[in-house]
Amino acid sequence: KFFYFIKKKKFKKTKLPKFDKSIDDRLKKKYWFNIKERPEIVILEGWCVGARPQSNSLIKKPVNILEKYEDENLIWRKHVNEKLKREYKKLFAMIDYYIFMKIPNFNMVFKWRQLQESKLRKKLYYKKKIMTYSAIKRFIMFYQRITLQMIKDLSKSASIVMLLSKNHEIKKILFKS
């Protein structure tokens, strides 16, 4: 809703949601940012920003054990694909430029998520949901298909592609015209 709101001709003050990765959701509205003027630049950062739907023939083949054994009837895959075809397509169409941070390989998603959870565990003073090793493995399986497709798609179509090393460092930046 925020992006639709700031694209309107008449801008009124609004609140910008604040996301907390440790709870995988937005914080309560009292913690959101107050936006009084239309921002010149908005950066939307997220794992699946720019993801595109796949063809029906592609979603039939499972990419991991979760899809093979827990989504035999393609319910999850079809649901995600429909969301990408409709709601997310509209949202992503509002983005003027994409900066894609390309990972060296899909295994890095797991390693980096483990690192992130470890940092959250050390940082938090109060109890929040921090994922275990097996929970992380399962969690990333839900996004494996999208991530692999994004590596193919956004590597070609993003305005800027940042090639990352296994140490999270930028090895190279590619600019597209």
C-alpha atoms as a PDB file:
ATOM      1  CA  LYS A   1       0.000   0.000   0.000  1.00  0.00           C
ATOM      2  CA  PHE A   2       2.871   2.360   0.786  1.00  0.00           C
ATOM      3  CA  PHE A   3       4.189   2.309  -2.783  1.00  0.00           C
ATOM      4  CA  TYR A   4       0.782   2.922  -4.308  1.00  0.00           C
ATOM      5  CA  PHE A   5       0.278   5.793  -1.882  1.00  0.00           C
ATOM      6  CA  ILE A   6       3.533   7.628  -2.648  1.00  0.00           C
ATOM      7  CA  LYS A   7       2.953   7.328  -6.400  1.00  0.00           C
ATOM      8  CA  LYS A   8      -0.287   9.329  -6.134  1.00  0.00           C
ATOM      9  CA  LYS A   9      -0.196  12.888  -7.452  1.00  0.00           C
ATOM     10  CA  LYS A  10      -1.354  14.425  -4.177  1.00  0.00           C
ATOM     11  CA  PHE A  11       0.954  13.256  -1.436  1.00  0.00           C
ATOM     12  CA  LYS A  12      -0.177  13.357   2.172  1.00  0.00           C
ATOM     13  CA  LYS A  13       1.874  12.349   5.164  1.00  0.00           C
ATOM     14  CA  THR A  14       1.980   8.635   5.770  1.00  0.00           C
ATOM     15  CA  LYS A  15       3.679   5.950   7.815  1.00  0.00           C
ATOM     16  CA  LEU A  16       6.364   3.647   6.485  1.00  0.00           C
ATOM     17  CA  PRO A  17       6.224   0.118   7.897  1.00  0.00           C
ATOM     18  CA  LYS A  18       9.314  -1.133   9.695  1.00  0.00           C
ATOM     19  CA  PHE A  19      10.211  -4.806   9.232  1.00  0.00           C
ATOM     20  CA  ASP A  20      11.827  -7.006  11.866  1.00  0.00           C
ATOM     21  CA  LYS A  21      13.602 -10.065  10.429  1.00  0.00           C
ATOM     22  CA  SER A  22      13.651 -11.830  13.786  1.00  0.00           C
ATOM     23  CA  ILE A  23       9.841 -12.068  13.783  1.00  0.00           C
ATOM     24  CA  ASP A  24       9.540 -12.163   9.967  1.00  0.00           C
ATOM     25  CA  ASP A  25       6.909  -9.437  10.064  1.00  0.00           C
ATOM     26  CA  ARG A  26       6.305  -5.741  10.449  1.00  0.00           C
ATOM     27  CA  LEU A  27       6.590  -4.109  13.837  1.00  0.00           C
ATOM     28  CA  LYS A  28       3.558  -2.500  15.479  1.00  0.00           C
ATOM     29  CA  LYS A  29       2.459   0.774  13.861  1.00  0.00           C
ATOM     30  CA  LYS A  30       3.800   2.842  16.753  1.00  0.00           C
ATOM     31  CA  TYR A  31       7.342   1.913  15.583  1.00  0.00           C
ATOM     32  CA  TRP A  32       6.780   2.840  11.933  1.00  0.00           C
ATOM     33  CA  PHE A  33       8.479   5.869  10.365  1.00  0.00           C
ATOM     34  CA  ASN A  34       6.492   9.077   9.834  1.00  0.00           C
ATOM     35  CA  ILE A  35       6.901  10.332   6.262  1.00  0.00           C
ATOM     36  CA  LYS A  36       5.873  13.974   5.895  1.00  0.00           C
ATOM     37  CA  GLU A  37       7.097  14.629   2.340  1.00  0.00           C
ATOM     38  CA  ARG A  38       7.187  12.504  -0.774  1.00  0.00           C
ATOM     39  CA  PRO A  39      10.596  10.799  -0.819  1.00  0.00           C
ATOM     40  CA  GLU A  40      12.804  11.349  -3.865  1.00  0.00           C
ATOM     41  CA  ILE A  41      14.182   7.834  -3.655  1.00  0.00           C
ATOM     42  CA  VAL A  42      12.675   4.718  -2.113  1.00  0.00           C
ATOM     43  CA  ILE A  43      14.713   1.552  -1.787  1.00  0.00           C
ATOM     44  CA  LEU A  44      12.724  -1.650  -1.520  1.00  0.00           C
ATOM     45  CA  GLU A  45      15.051  -4.355  -0.251  1.00  0.00           C
ATOM     46  CA  GLY A  46      13.984  -7.939  -0.058  1.00  0.00           C
ATOM     47  CA  TRP A  47      14.820 -11.494  -0.962  1.00  0.00           C
ATOM     48  CA  CYS A  48      12.299 -11.903  -3.786  1.00  0.00           C
ATOM     49  CA  VAL A  49      11.950  -8.351  -5.099  1.00  0.00           C
ATOM     50  CA  GLY A  50      11.658  -8.604  -8.872  1.00  0.00           C
ATOM     51  CA  ALA A  51      10.738 -12.300  -8.951  1.00  0.00           C
ATOM     52  CA  ARG A  52       8.769 -13.382 -11.989  1.00  0.00           C
ATOM     53  CA  PRO A  53       6.315 -16.242 -12.408  1.00  0.00           C
ATOM     54  CA  GLN A  54       7.410 -19.460 -14.066  1.00  0.00           C
ATOM     55  CA  SER A  55       5.678 -21.382 -16.827  1.00  0.00           C
ATOM     56  CA  ASN A  56       3.297 -24.161 -15.792  1.00  0.00           C
ATOM     57  CA  SER A  57       5.693 -26.745 -17.220  1.00  0.00           C
ATOM     58  CA  LEU A  58       8.560 -25.477 -15.025  1.00  0.00           C
ATOM     59  CA  ILE A  59       6.596 -25.534 -11.767  1.00  0.00           C
ATOM     60  CA  LYS A  60       5.699 -29.195 -12.285  1.00  0.00           C
ATOM     61  CA  LYS A  61       9.271 -30.351 -11.620  1.00  0.00           C
ATOM     62  CA  PRO A  62      10.219 -30.171  -7.905  1.00  0.00           C
ATOM     63  CA  VAL A  63      13.490 -28.370  -7.099  1.00  0.00           C
ATOM     64  CA  ASN A  64      13.934 -29.832  -3.592  1.00  0.00           C
ATOM     65  CA  ILE A  65      12.590 -32.459  -1.187  1.00  0.00           C
ATOM     66  CA  LEU A  66      10.008 -30.102   0.291  1.00  0.00           C
ATOM     67  CA  GLU A  67       8.366 -29.626  -3.107  1.00  0.00           C
ATOM     68  CA  LYS A  68       8.718 -33.318  -3.954  1.00  0.00           C
ATOM     69  CA  TYR A  69       7.128 -34.713  -0.792  1.00  0.00           C
ATOM     70  CA  GLU A  70       5.031 -31.904   0.677  1.00  0.00           C
ATOM     71  CA  ASP A  71       3.749 -30.233  -2.479  1.00  0.00           C
ATOM     72  CA  GLU A  72       3.031 -33.223  -4.688  1.00  0.00           C
ATOM     73  CA  ASN A  73      -0.184 -31.593  -5.937  1.00  0.00           C
ATOM     74  CA  LEU A  74       1.586 -28.292  -6.742  1.00  0.00           C
ATOM     75  CA  ILE A  75      -0.645 -26.303  -4.373  1.00  0.00           C
ATOM     76  CA  TRP A  76       2.169 -24.143  -2.931  1.00  0.00           C
ATOM     77  CA  ARG A  77       3.938 -23.705  -6.273  1.00  0.00           C
ATOM     78  CA  LYS A  78       0.745 -22.700  -8.088  1.00  0.00           C
ATOM     79  CA  HIS A  79      -0.226 -20.329  -5.271  1.00  0.00           C
ATOM     80  CA  VAL A  80       3.155 -18.562  -5.354  1.00  0.00           C
ATOM     81  CA  ASN A  81       3.113 -18.413  -9.141  1.00  0.00           C
ATOM     82  CA  GLU A  82      -0.359 -16.830  -9.156  1.00  0.00           C
ATOM     83  CA  LYS A  83       0.750 -14.209  -6.620  1.00  0.00           C
ATOM     84  CA  LEU A  84       3.746 -13.379  -8.835  1.00  0.00           C
ATOM     85  CA  LYS A  85       1.478 -13.113 -11.894  1.00  0.00           C
ATOM     86  CA  ARG A  86      -0.942 -10.715 -10.202  1.00  0.00           C
ATOM     87  CA  GLU A  87      -0.190  -8.730  -7.032  1.00  0.00           C
ATOM     88  CA  TYR A  88       3.583  -8.796  -7.181  1.00  0.00           C
ATOM     89  CA  LYS A  89       3.682  -8.030 -10.895  1.00  0.00           C
ATOM     90  CA  LYS A  90       1.802  -4.780 -10.166  1.00  0.00           C
ATOM     91  CA  LEU A  91       4.128  -3.881  -7.302  1.00  0.00           C
ATOM     92  CA  PHE A  92       7.311  -4.702  -9.201  1.00  0.00           C
ATOM     93  CA  ALA A  93       6.085  -2.692 -12.212  1.00  0.00           C
ATOM     94  CA  MET A  94       6.356   0.440 -10.030  1.00  0.00           C
ATOM     95  CA  ILE A  95      10.095  -0.055  -9.604  1.00  0.00           C
ATOM     96  CA  ASP A  96      12.193   2.101 -11.903  1.00  0.00           C
ATOM     97  CA  TYR A  97      15.569   0.444 -11.344  1.00  0.00           C
ATOM     98  CA  TYR A  98      16.669  -2.903  -9.996  1.00  0.00           C
ATOM     99  CA  ILE A  99      19.927  -3.531  -8.167  1.00  0.00           C
ATOM    100  CA  PHE A 100      20.476  -7.271  -8.007  1.00  0.00           C
ATOM    101  CA  MET A 101      22.928  -8.780  -5.547  1.00  0.00           C
ATOM    102  CA  LYS A 102      23.875 -12.032  -7.256  1.00  0.00           C
ATOM    103  CA  ILE A 103      24.975 -14.841  -4.964  1.00  0.00           C
ATOM    104  CA  PRO A 104      27.774 -17.236  -5.989  1.00  0.00           C
ATOM    105  CA  ASN A 105      25.442 -20.251  -5.631  1.00  0.00           C
ATOM    106  CA  PHE A 106      22.271 -21.279  -3.831  1.00  0.00           C
ATOM    107  CA  ASN A 107      24.177 -22.960  -0.963  1.00  0.00           C
ATOM    108  CA  MET A 108      25.259 -19.499   0.170  1.00  0.00           C
ATOM    109  CA  VAL A 109      21.635 -18.661   1.006  1.00  0.00           C
ATOM    110  CA  PHE A 110      21.724 -21.248   3.767  1.00  0.00           C
ATOM    111  CA  LYS A 111      25.165 -20.236   5.061  1.00  0.00           C
ATOM    112  CA  TRP A 112      24.323 -16.540   5.086  1.00  0.00           C
ATOM    113  CA  ARG A 113      20.949 -17.114   6.738  1.00  0.00           C
ATOM    114  CA  GLN A 114      22.698 -19.135   9.449  1.00  0.00           C
ATOM    115  CA  LEU A 115      25.074 -16.223   9.975  1.00  0.00           C
ATOM    116  CA  GLN A 116      22.148 -13.805  10.152  1.00  0.00           C
ATOM    117  CA  GLU A 117      20.347 -15.924  12.751  1.00  0.00           C
ATOM    118  CA  SER A 118      23.554 -16.199  14.783  1.00  0.00           C
ATOM    119  CA  LYS A 119      23.910 -12.404  14.805  1.00  0.00           C
ATOM    120  CA  LEU A 120      20.261 -11.982  15.797  1.00  0.00           C
ATOM    121  CA  ARG A 121      20.719 -14.467  18.638  1.00  0.00           C
ATOM    122  CA  LYS A 122      23.637 -12.436  20.032  1.00  0.00           C
ATOM    123  CA  LYS A 123      21.964  -9.065  19.477  1.00  0.00           C
ATOM    124  CA  LEU A 124      18.553  -9.634  21.007  1.00  0.00           C
ATOM    125  CA  TYR A 125      17.972  -8.909  24.661  1.00  0.00           C
ATOM    126  CA  TYR A 126      14.448 -10.256  24.734  1.00  0.00           C
ATOM    127  CA  LYS A 127      12.963 -13.473  23.398  1.00  0.00           C
ATOM    128  CA  LYS A 128      12.095 -13.574  19.744  1.00  0.00           C
ATOM    129  CA  LYS A 129      11.867 -16.393  17.275  1.00  0.00           C
ATOM    130  CA  ILE A 130      15.376 -17.321  16.137  1.00  0.00           C
ATOM    131  CA  MET A 131      15.593 -20.227  13.687  1.00  0.00           C
ATOM    132  CA  THR A 132      17.467 -23.440  14.329  1.00  0.00           C
ATOM    133  CA  TYR A 133      19.678 -25.181  11.748  1.00  0.00           C
ATOM    134  CA  SER A 134      16.844 -27.443  10.529  1.00  0.00           C
ATOM    135  CA  ALA A 135      14.319 -24.591  10.559  1.00  0.00           C
ATOM    136  CA  ILE A 136      16.615 -22.523   8.323  1.00  0.00           C
ATOM    137  CA  LYS A 137      17.041 -25.475   5.932  1.00  0.00           C
ATOM    138  CA  ARG A 138      13.278 -25.871   5.672  1.00  0.00           C
ATOM    139  CA  PHE A 139      12.607 -22.132   5.424  1.00  0.00           C
ATOM    140  CA  ILE A 140      14.922 -21.554   2.464  1.00  0.00           C
ATOM    141  CA  MET A 141      13.428 -24.513   0.569  1.00  0.00           C
ATOM    142  CA  PHE A 142      10.215 -22.496   0.205  1.00  0.00           C
ATOM    143  CA  TYR A 143      12.192 -19.818  -1.668  1.00  0.00           C
ATOM    144  CA  GLN A 144      14.650 -21.987  -3.582  1.00  0.00           C
ATOM    145  CA  ARG A 145      12.634 -22.081  -6.811  1.00  0.00           C
ATOM    146  CA  ILE A 146      12.153 -18.311  -6.848  1.00  0.00           C
ATOM    147  CA  THR A 147      15.790 -17.638  -5.965  1.00  0.00           C
ATOM    148  CA  LEU A 148      17.141 -19.885  -8.715  1.00  0.00           C
ATOM    149  CA  GLN A 149      14.817 -18.259 -11.259  1.00  0.00           C
ATOM    150  CA  MET A 150      15.811 -14.774 -10.092  1.00  0.00           C
ATOM    151  CA  ILE A 151      19.486 -15.612 -10.589  1.00  0.00           C
ATOM    152  CA  LYS A 152      18.675 -16.362 -14.240  1.00  0.00           C
ATOM    153  CA  ASP A 153      16.249 -13.474 -14.833  1.00  0.00           C
ATOM    154  CA  LEU A 154      17.704 -10.552 -12.889  1.00  0.00           C
ATOM    155  CA  SER A 155      21.268 -11.318 -13.929  1.00  0.00           C
ATOM    156  CA  LYS A 156      20.124 -10.267 -17.408  1.00  0.00           C
ATOM    157  CA  SER A 157      17.483  -7.627 -16.693  1.00  0.00           C
ATOM    158  CA  ALA A 158      18.570  -5.670 -13.585  1.00  0.00           C
ATOM    159  CA  SER A 159      19.934  -2.146 -14.043  1.00  0.00           C
ATOM    160  CA  ILE A 160      22.865  -2.999 -11.793  1.00  0.00           C
ATOM    161  CA  VAL A 161      24.149  -6.483 -10.961  1.00  0.00           C
ATOM    162  CA  MET A 162      26.509  -6.822  -8.014  1.00  0.00           C
ATOM    163  CA  LEU A 163      28.415 -10.106  -8.118  1.00  0.00           C
ATOM    164  CA  LEU A 164      29.017 -11.226  -4.541  1.00  0.00           C
ATOM    165  CA  SER A 165      31.817 -13.411  -3.220  1.00  0.00           C
ATOM    166  CA  LYS A 166      31.318 -16.192  -0.679  1.00  0.00           C
ATOM    167  CA  ASN A 167      32.423 -13.674   1.984  1.00  0.00           C
ATOM    168  CA  HIS A 168      29.611 -11.221   1.187  1.00  0.00           C
ATOM    169  CA  GLU A 169      32.029  -8.932  -0.635  1.00  0.00           C
ATOM    170  CA  ILE A 170      31.256  -7.279  -3.947  1.00  0.00           C
ATOM    171  CA  LYS A 171      33.559  -8.830  -6.555  1.00  0.00           C
ATOM    172  CA  LYS A 172      32.256  -6.900  -9.535  1.00  0.00           C
ATOM    173  CA  ILE A 173      29.507  -4.457 -10.483  1.00  0.00           C
ATOM    174  CA  LEU A 174      27.828  -4.628 -13.877  1.00  0.00           C
ATOM    175  CA  PHE A 175      25.843  -1.647 -15.167  1.00  0.00           C
ATOM    176  CA  LYS A 176      23.172  -2.127 -17.818  1.00  0.00           C
ATOM    177  CA  SER A 177      21.809   0.631 -19.999  1.00  0.00           C
END
